[in-house]
Amino acid sequence: MVNAAFLFATMSILVKNAATNLHMNEDELAFWRSLLPALVIFGTTLARKKTLKTPFFGVICSAV
């Protein structure tokens, strides 16, 4: 929990810094904030030789 709080605080500082110094708009900030976690998740999935496909997709769709 302490590590997560530290990382979120660091991310907040970096995002504010990028917004002011690099003159990025909200869309660009959202893209770059999402890219690194997506790459980490994708890389971890490939390294473990798993899939991101959920077995519960049909259950969720039929409930709606």
PDB file of N, CA and C in Angstrom:
ATOM      1  N   MET A   1       0.820  -1.183   0.000  1.00  0.00           N
ATOM      2  CA  MET A   1       0.000   0.000   0.000  1.00  0.00           C
ATOM      3  C   MET A   1       0.870   1.254   0.000  1.00  0.00           C
ATOM      4  N   VAL A   2       1.947   1.218   0.734  1.00  0.00           N
ATOM      5  CA  VAL A   2       2.831   2.375   0.783  1.00  0.00           C
ATOM      6  C   VAL A   2       3.484   2.585  -0.587  1.00  0.00           C
ATOM      7  N   ASN A   3       3.902   1.495  -1.210  1.00  0.00           N
ATOM      8  CA  ASN A   3       4.495   1.604  -2.547  1.00  0.00           C
ATOM      9  C   ASN A   3       3.489   2.148  -3.553  1.00  0.00           C
ATOM     10  N   ALA A   4       2.261   1.679  -3.488  1.00  0.00           N
ATOM     11  CA  ALA A   4       1.229   2.157  -4.413  1.00  0.00           C
ATOM     12  C   ALA A   4       0.972   3.644  -4.202  1.00  0.00           C
ATOM     13  N   ALA A   5       0.885   4.066  -2.965  1.00  0.00           N
ATOM     14  CA  ALA A   5       0.671   5.484  -2.674  1.00  0.00           C
ATOM     15  C   ALA A   5       1.841   6.325  -3.181  1.00  0.00           C
ATOM     16  N   PHE A   6       3.045   5.837  -2.995  1.00  0.00           N
ATOM     17  CA  PHE A   6       4.226   6.552  -3.482  1.00  0.00           C
ATOM     18  C   PHE A   6       4.219   6.663  -5.004  1.00  0.00           C
ATOM     19  N   LEU A   7       3.891   5.560  -5.675  1.00  0.00           N
ATOM     20  CA  LEU A   7       3.868   5.576  -7.136  1.00  0.00           C
ATOM     21  C   LEU A   7       2.765   6.483  -7.685  1.00  0.00           C
ATOM     22  N   PHE A   8       1.595   6.493  -7.045  1.00  0.00           N
ATOM     23  CA  PHE A   8       0.528   7.386  -7.482  1.00  0.00           C
ATOM     24  C   PHE A   8       0.909   8.844  -7.266  1.00  0.00           C
ATOM     25  N   ALA A   9       1.559   9.142  -6.150  1.00  0.00           N
ATOM     26  CA  ALA A   9       2.007  10.510  -5.898  1.00  0.00           C
ATOM     27  C   ALA A   9       3.063  10.927  -6.913  1.00  0.00           C
ATOM     28  N   THR A  10       3.978  10.022  -7.230  1.00  0.00           N
ATOM     29  CA  THR A  10       5.009  10.312  -8.234  1.00  0.00           C
ATOM     30  C   THR A  10       4.380  10.543  -9.600  1.00  0.00           C
ATOM     31  N   MET A  11       3.412   9.714  -9.963  1.00  0.00           N
ATOM     32  CA  MET A  11       2.735   9.888 -11.236  1.00  0.00           C
ATOM     33  C   MET A  11       2.017  11.233 -11.287  1.00  0.00           C
ATOM     34  N   SER A  12       1.385  11.624 -10.205  1.00  0.00           N
ATOM     35  CA  SER A  12       0.698  12.908 -10.161  1.00  0.00           C
ATOM     36  C   SER A  12       1.664  14.068 -10.370  1.00  0.00           C
ATOM     37  N   ILE A  13       2.816  13.996  -9.736  1.00  0.00           N
ATOM     38  CA  ILE A  13       3.822  15.040  -9.902  1.00  0.00           C
ATOM     39  C   ILE A  13       4.305  15.100 -11.347  1.00  0.00           C
ATOM     40  N   LEU A  14       4.573  13.944 -11.937  1.00  0.00           N
ATOM     41  CA  LEU A  14       5.052  13.907 -13.319  1.00  0.00           C
ATOM     42  C   LEU A  14       4.001  14.411 -14.306  1.00  0.00           C
ATOM     43  N   VAL A  15       2.735  14.096 -14.066  1.00  0.00           N
ATOM     44  CA  VAL A  15       1.668  14.555 -14.953  1.00  0.00           C
ATOM     45  C   VAL A  15       1.528  16.072 -14.865  1.00  0.00           C
ATOM     46  N   LYS A  16       1.561  16.616 -13.660  1.00  0.00           N
ATOM     47  CA  LYS A  16       1.472  18.075 -13.510  1.00  0.00           C
ATOM     48  C   LYS A  16       2.671  18.756 -14.148  1.00  0.00           C
ATOM     49  N   ASN A  17       3.836  18.154 -14.005  1.00  0.00           N
ATOM     50  CA  ASN A  17       5.039  18.702 -14.610  1.00  0.00           C
ATOM     51  C   ASN A  17       4.940  18.671 -16.143  1.00  0.00           C
ATOM     52  N   ALA A  18       4.451  17.584 -16.693  1.00  0.00           N
ATOM     53  CA  ALA A  18       4.301  17.471 -18.147  1.00  0.00           C
ATOM     54  C   ALA A  18       3.274  18.464 -18.667  1.00  0.00           C
ATOM     55  N   ALA A  19       2.208  18.671 -17.911  1.00  0.00           N
ATOM     56  CA  ALA A  19       1.166  19.593 -18.355  1.00  0.00           C
ATOM     57  C   ALA A  19       1.688  21.022 -18.422  1.00  0.00           C
ATOM     58  N   THR A  20       2.523  21.404 -17.488  1.00  0.00           N
ATOM     59  CA  THR A  20       3.013  22.782 -17.474  1.00  0.00           C
ATOM     60  C   THR A  20       4.232  22.976 -18.369  1.00  0.00           C
ATOM     61  N   ASN A  21       5.183  22.081 -18.309  1.00  0.00           N
ATOM     62  CA  ASN A  21       6.434  22.272 -19.049  1.00  0.00           C
ATOM     63  C   ASN A  21       6.351  21.837 -20.499  1.00  0.00           C
ATOM     64  N   LEU A  22       5.604  20.814 -20.804  1.00  0.00           N
ATOM     65  CA  LEU A  22       5.534  20.297 -22.170  1.00  0.00           C
ATOM     66  C   LEU A  22       4.306  20.783 -22.923  1.00  0.00           C
ATOM     67  N   HIS A  23       3.441  21.530 -22.243  1.00  0.00           N
ATOM     68  CA  HIS A  23       2.235  22.104 -22.844  1.00  0.00           C
ATOM     69  C   HIS A  23       1.380  21.036 -23.513  1.00  0.00           C
ATOM     70  N   MET A  24       1.118  19.976 -22.775  1.00  0.00           N
ATOM     71  CA  MET A  24       0.276  18.898 -23.283  1.00  0.00           C
ATOM     72  C   MET A  24      -1.167  19.135 -22.850  1.00  0.00           C
ATOM     73  N   ASN A  25      -2.107  18.710 -23.693  1.00  0.00           N
ATOM     74  CA  ASN A  25      -3.508  18.807 -23.297  1.00  0.00           C
ATOM     75  C   ASN A  25      -3.928  17.523 -22.583  1.00  0.00           C
ATOM     76  N   GLU A  26      -5.179  17.480 -22.163  1.00  0.00           N
ATOM     77  CA  GLU A  26      -5.658  16.346 -21.357  1.00  0.00           C
ATOM     78  C   GLU A  26      -5.641  15.034 -22.118  1.00  0.00           C
ATOM     79  N   ASP A  27      -5.934  15.085 -23.411  1.00  0.00           N
ATOM     80  CA  ASP A  27      -5.949  13.852 -24.206  1.00  0.00           C
ATOM     81  C   ASP A  27      -4.556  13.234 -24.317  1.00  0.00           C
ATOM     82  N   GLU A  28      -3.565  14.070 -24.552  1.00  0.00           N
ATOM     83  CA  GLU A  28      -2.190  13.564 -24.645  1.00  0.00           C
ATOM     84  C   GLU A  28      -1.723  13.005 -23.299  1.00  0.00           C
ATOM     85  N   LEU A  29      -2.058  13.685 -22.227  1.00  0.00           N
ATOM     86  CA  LEU A  29      -1.671  13.197 -20.897  1.00  0.00           C
ATOM     87  C   LEU A  29      -2.321  11.852 -20.592  1.00  0.00           C
ATOM     88  N   ALA A  30      -3.600  11.715 -20.938  1.00  0.00           N
ATOM     89  CA  ALA A  30      -4.293  10.446 -20.699  1.00  0.00           C
ATOM     90  C   ALA A  30      -3.650   9.322 -21.510  1.00  0.00           C
ATOM     91  N   PHE A  31      -3.266   9.621 -22.750  1.00  0.00           N
ATOM     92  CA  PHE A  31      -2.625   8.605 -23.592  1.00  0.00           C
ATOM     93  C   PHE A  31      -1.314   8.135 -22.976  1.00  0.00           C
ATOM     94  N   TRP A  32      -0.440   9.072 -22.608  1.00  0.00           N
ATOM     95  CA  TRP A  32       0.870   8.691 -22.083  1.00  0.00           C
ATOM     96  C   TRP A  32       0.765   8.058 -20.702  1.00  0.00           C
ATOM     97  N   ARG A  33      -0.239   8.449 -19.906  1.00  0.00           N
ATOM     98  CA  ARG A  33      -0.433   7.816 -18.603  1.00  0.00           C
ATOM     99  C   ARG A  33      -0.887   6.378 -18.752  1.00  0.00           C
ATOM    100  N   SER A  34      -1.585   6.068 -19.833  1.00  0.00           N
ATOM    101  CA  SER A  34      -2.117   4.720 -20.036  1.00  0.00           C
ATOM    102  C   SER A  34      -1.165   3.811 -20.799  1.00  0.00           C
ATOM    103  N   LEU A  35      -0.235   4.380 -21.543  1.00  0.00           N
ATOM    104  CA  LEU A  35       0.630   3.575 -22.390  1.00  0.00           C
ATOM    105  C   LEU A  35       1.568   2.673 -21.587  1.00  0.00           C
ATOM    106  N   LEU A  36       2.253   3.212 -20.612  1.00  0.00           N
ATOM    107  CA  LEU A  36       3.198   2.407 -19.834  1.00  0.00           C
ATOM    108  C   LEU A  36       2.515   1.250 -19.101  1.00  0.00           C
ATOM    109  N   PRO A  37       1.414   1.469 -18.374  1.00  0.00           N
ATOM    110  CA  PRO A  37       0.759   0.308 -17.746  1.00  0.00           C
ATOM    111  C   PRO A  37       0.271  -0.725 -18.759  1.00  0.00           C
ATOM    112  N   ALA A  38      -0.211  -0.268 -19.912  1.00  0.00           N
ATOM    113  CA  ALA A  38      -0.661  -1.216 -20.931  1.00  0.00           C
ATOM    114  C   ALA A  38       0.499  -2.066 -21.433  1.00  0.00           C
ATOM    115  N   LEU A  39       1.652  -1.445 -21.639  1.00  0.00           N
ATOM    116  CA  LEU A  39       2.828  -2.198 -22.078  1.00  0.00           C
ATOM    117  C   LEU A  39       3.296  -3.187 -21.014  1.00  0.00           C
ATOM    118  N   VAL A  40       3.245  -2.788 -19.755  1.00  0.00           N
ATOM    119  CA  VAL A  40       3.650  -3.683 -18.665  1.00  0.00           C
ATOM    120  C   VAL A  40       2.696  -4.877 -18.582  1.00  0.00           C
ATOM    121  N   ILE A  41       1.405  -4.625 -18.676  1.00  0.00           N
ATOM    122  CA  ILE A  41       0.424  -5.714 -18.625  1.00  0.00           C
ATOM    123  C   ILE A  41       0.602  -6.652 -19.816  1.00  0.00           C
ATOM    124  N   PHE A  42       0.773  -6.077 -21.001  1.00  0.00           N
ATOM    125  CA  PHE A  42       0.959  -6.892 -22.202  1.00  0.00           C
ATOM    126  C   PHE A  42       2.248  -7.712 -22.117  1.00  0.00           C
ATOM    127  N   GLY A  43       3.336  -7.095 -21.658  1.00  0.00           N
ATOM    128  CA  GLY A  43       4.607  -7.806 -21.531  1.00  0.00           C
ATOM    129  C   GLY A  43       4.548  -8.926 -20.507  1.00  0.00           C
ATOM    130  N   THR A  44       3.889  -8.659 -19.385  1.00  0.00           N
ATOM    131  CA  THR A  44       3.738  -9.688 -18.350  1.00  0.00           C
ATOM    132  C   THR A  44       2.903 -10.848 -18.873  1.00  0.00           C
ATOM    133  N   THR A  45       1.864 -10.524 -19.610  1.00  0.00           N
ATOM    134  CA  THR A  45       1.011 -11.565 -20.183  1.00  0.00           C
ATOM    135  C   THR A  45       1.792 -12.439 -21.157  1.00  0.00           C
ATOM    136  N   LEU A  46       2.593 -11.806 -22.003  1.00  0.00           N
ATOM    137  CA  LEU A  46       3.409 -12.582 -22.946  1.00  0.00           C
ATOM    138  C   LEU A  46       4.456 -13.422 -22.228  1.00  0.00           C
ATOM    139  N   ALA A  47       5.090 -12.857 -21.202  1.00  0.00           N
ATOM    140  CA  ALA A  47       6.134 -13.585 -20.481  1.00  0.00           C
ATOM    141  C   ALA A  47       5.572 -14.812 -19.773  1.00  0.00           C
ATOM    142  N   ARG A  48       4.346 -14.709 -19.291  1.00  0.00           N
ATOM    143  CA  ARG A  48       3.709 -15.837 -18.594  1.00  0.00           C
ATOM    144  C   ARG A  48       2.994 -16.784 -19.544  1.00  0.00           C
ATOM    145  N   LYS A  49       3.003 -16.434 -20.842  1.00  0.00           N
ATOM    146  CA  LYS A  49       2.343 -17.236 -21.873  1.00  0.00           C
ATOM    147  C   LYS A  49       0.869 -17.467 -21.547  1.00  0.00           C
ATOM    148  N   LYS A  50       0.211 -16.384 -21.127  1.00  0.00           N
ATOM    149  CA  LYS A  50      -1.223 -16.407 -20.825  1.00  0.00           C
ATOM    150  C   LYS A  50      -1.955 -15.618 -21.891  1.00  0.00           C
ATOM    151  N   THR A  51      -3.249 -15.491 -21.738  1.00  0.00           N
ATOM    152  CA  THR A  51      -4.067 -14.697 -22.645  1.00  0.00           C
ATOM    153  C   THR A  51      -4.863 -13.677 -21.840  1.00  0.00           C
ATOM    154  N   LEU A  52      -5.237 -12.596 -22.496  1.00  0.00           N
ATOM    155  CA  LEU A  52      -6.062 -11.588 -21.845  1.00  0.00           C
ATOM    156  C   LEU A  52      -7.547 -11.846 -22.060  1.00  0.00           C
ATOM    157  N   LYS A  53      -7.860 -12.882 -22.802  1.00  0.00           N
ATOM    158  CA  LYS A  53      -9.256 -13.224 -23.075  1.00  0.00           C
ATOM    159  C   LYS A  53      -9.913 -13.753 -21.803  1.00  0.00           C
ATOM    160  N   THR A  54     -11.089 -13.247 -21.517  1.00  0.00           N
ATOM    161  CA  THR A  54     -11.799 -13.668 -20.319  1.00  0.00           C
ATOM    162  C   THR A  54     -12.759 -14.814 -20.634  1.00  0.00           C
ATOM    163  N   PRO A  55     -12.878 -15.777 -19.731  1.00  0.00           N
ATOM    164  CA  PRO A  55     -13.834 -16.857 -19.947  1.00  0.00           C
ATOM    165  C   PRO A  55     -15.266 -16.429 -19.578  1.00  0.00           C
ATOM    166  N   PHE A  56     -15.436 -15.237 -19.009  1.00  0.00           N
ATOM    167  CA  PHE A  56     -16.725 -14.795 -18.505  1.00  0.00           C
ATOM    168  C   PHE A  56     -17.438 -13.833 -19.450  1.00  0.00           C
ATOM    169  N   PHE A  57     -16.917 -13.610 -20.656  1.00  0.00           N
ATOM    170  CA  PHE A  57     -17.493 -12.638 -21.569  1.00  0.00           C
ATOM    171  C   PHE A  57     -18.943 -12.998 -21.925  1.00  0.00           C
ATOM    172  N   GLY A  58     -19.190 -14.245 -22.204  1.00  0.00           N
ATOM    173  CA  GLY A  58     -20.554 -14.675 -22.546  1.00  0.00           C
ATOM    174  C   GLY A  58     -21.507 -14.523 -21.390  1.00  0.00           C
ATOM    175  N   VAL A  59     -21.029 -14.729 -20.182  1.00  0.00           N
ATOM    176  CA  VAL A  59     -21.869 -14.586 -19.000  1.00  0.00           C
ATOM    177  C   VAL A  59     -22.263 -13.131 -18.802  1.00  0.00           C
ATOM    178  N   ILE A  60     -21.327 -12.227 -19.013  1.00  0.00           N
ATOM    179  CA  ILE A  60     -21.583 -10.808 -18.822  1.00  0.00           C
ATOM    180  C   ILE A  60     -22.560 -10.311 -19.893  1.00  0.00           C
ATOM    181  N   CYS A  61     -22.363 -10.731 -21.122  1.00  0.00           N
ATOM    182  CA  CYS A  61     -23.223 -10.269 -22.216  1.00  0.00           C
ATOM    183  C   CYS A  61     -24.636 -10.818 -22.101  1.00  0.00           C
ATOM    184  N   SER A  62     -24.778 -12.029 -21.612  1.00  0.00           N
ATOM    185  CA  SER A  62     -26.110 -12.611 -21.503  1.00  0.00           C
ATOM    186  C   SER A  62     -26.892 -12.022 -20.327  1.00  0.00           C
ATOM    187  N   ALA A  63     -26.198 -11.459 -19.352  1.00  0.00           N
ATOM    188  CA  ALA A  63     -26.861 -10.870 -18.198  1.00  0.00           C
ATOM    189  C   ALA A  63     -27.464  -9.512 -18.526  1.00  0.00           C
ATOM    190  N   VAL A  64     -26.976  -8.878 -19.567  1.00  0.00           N
ATOM    191  CA  VAL A  64     -27.451  -7.537 -19.916  1.00  0.00           C
ATOM    192  C   VAL A  64     -28.691  -7.630 -20.689  1.00  0.00           C
TER     193      VAL A  64
END
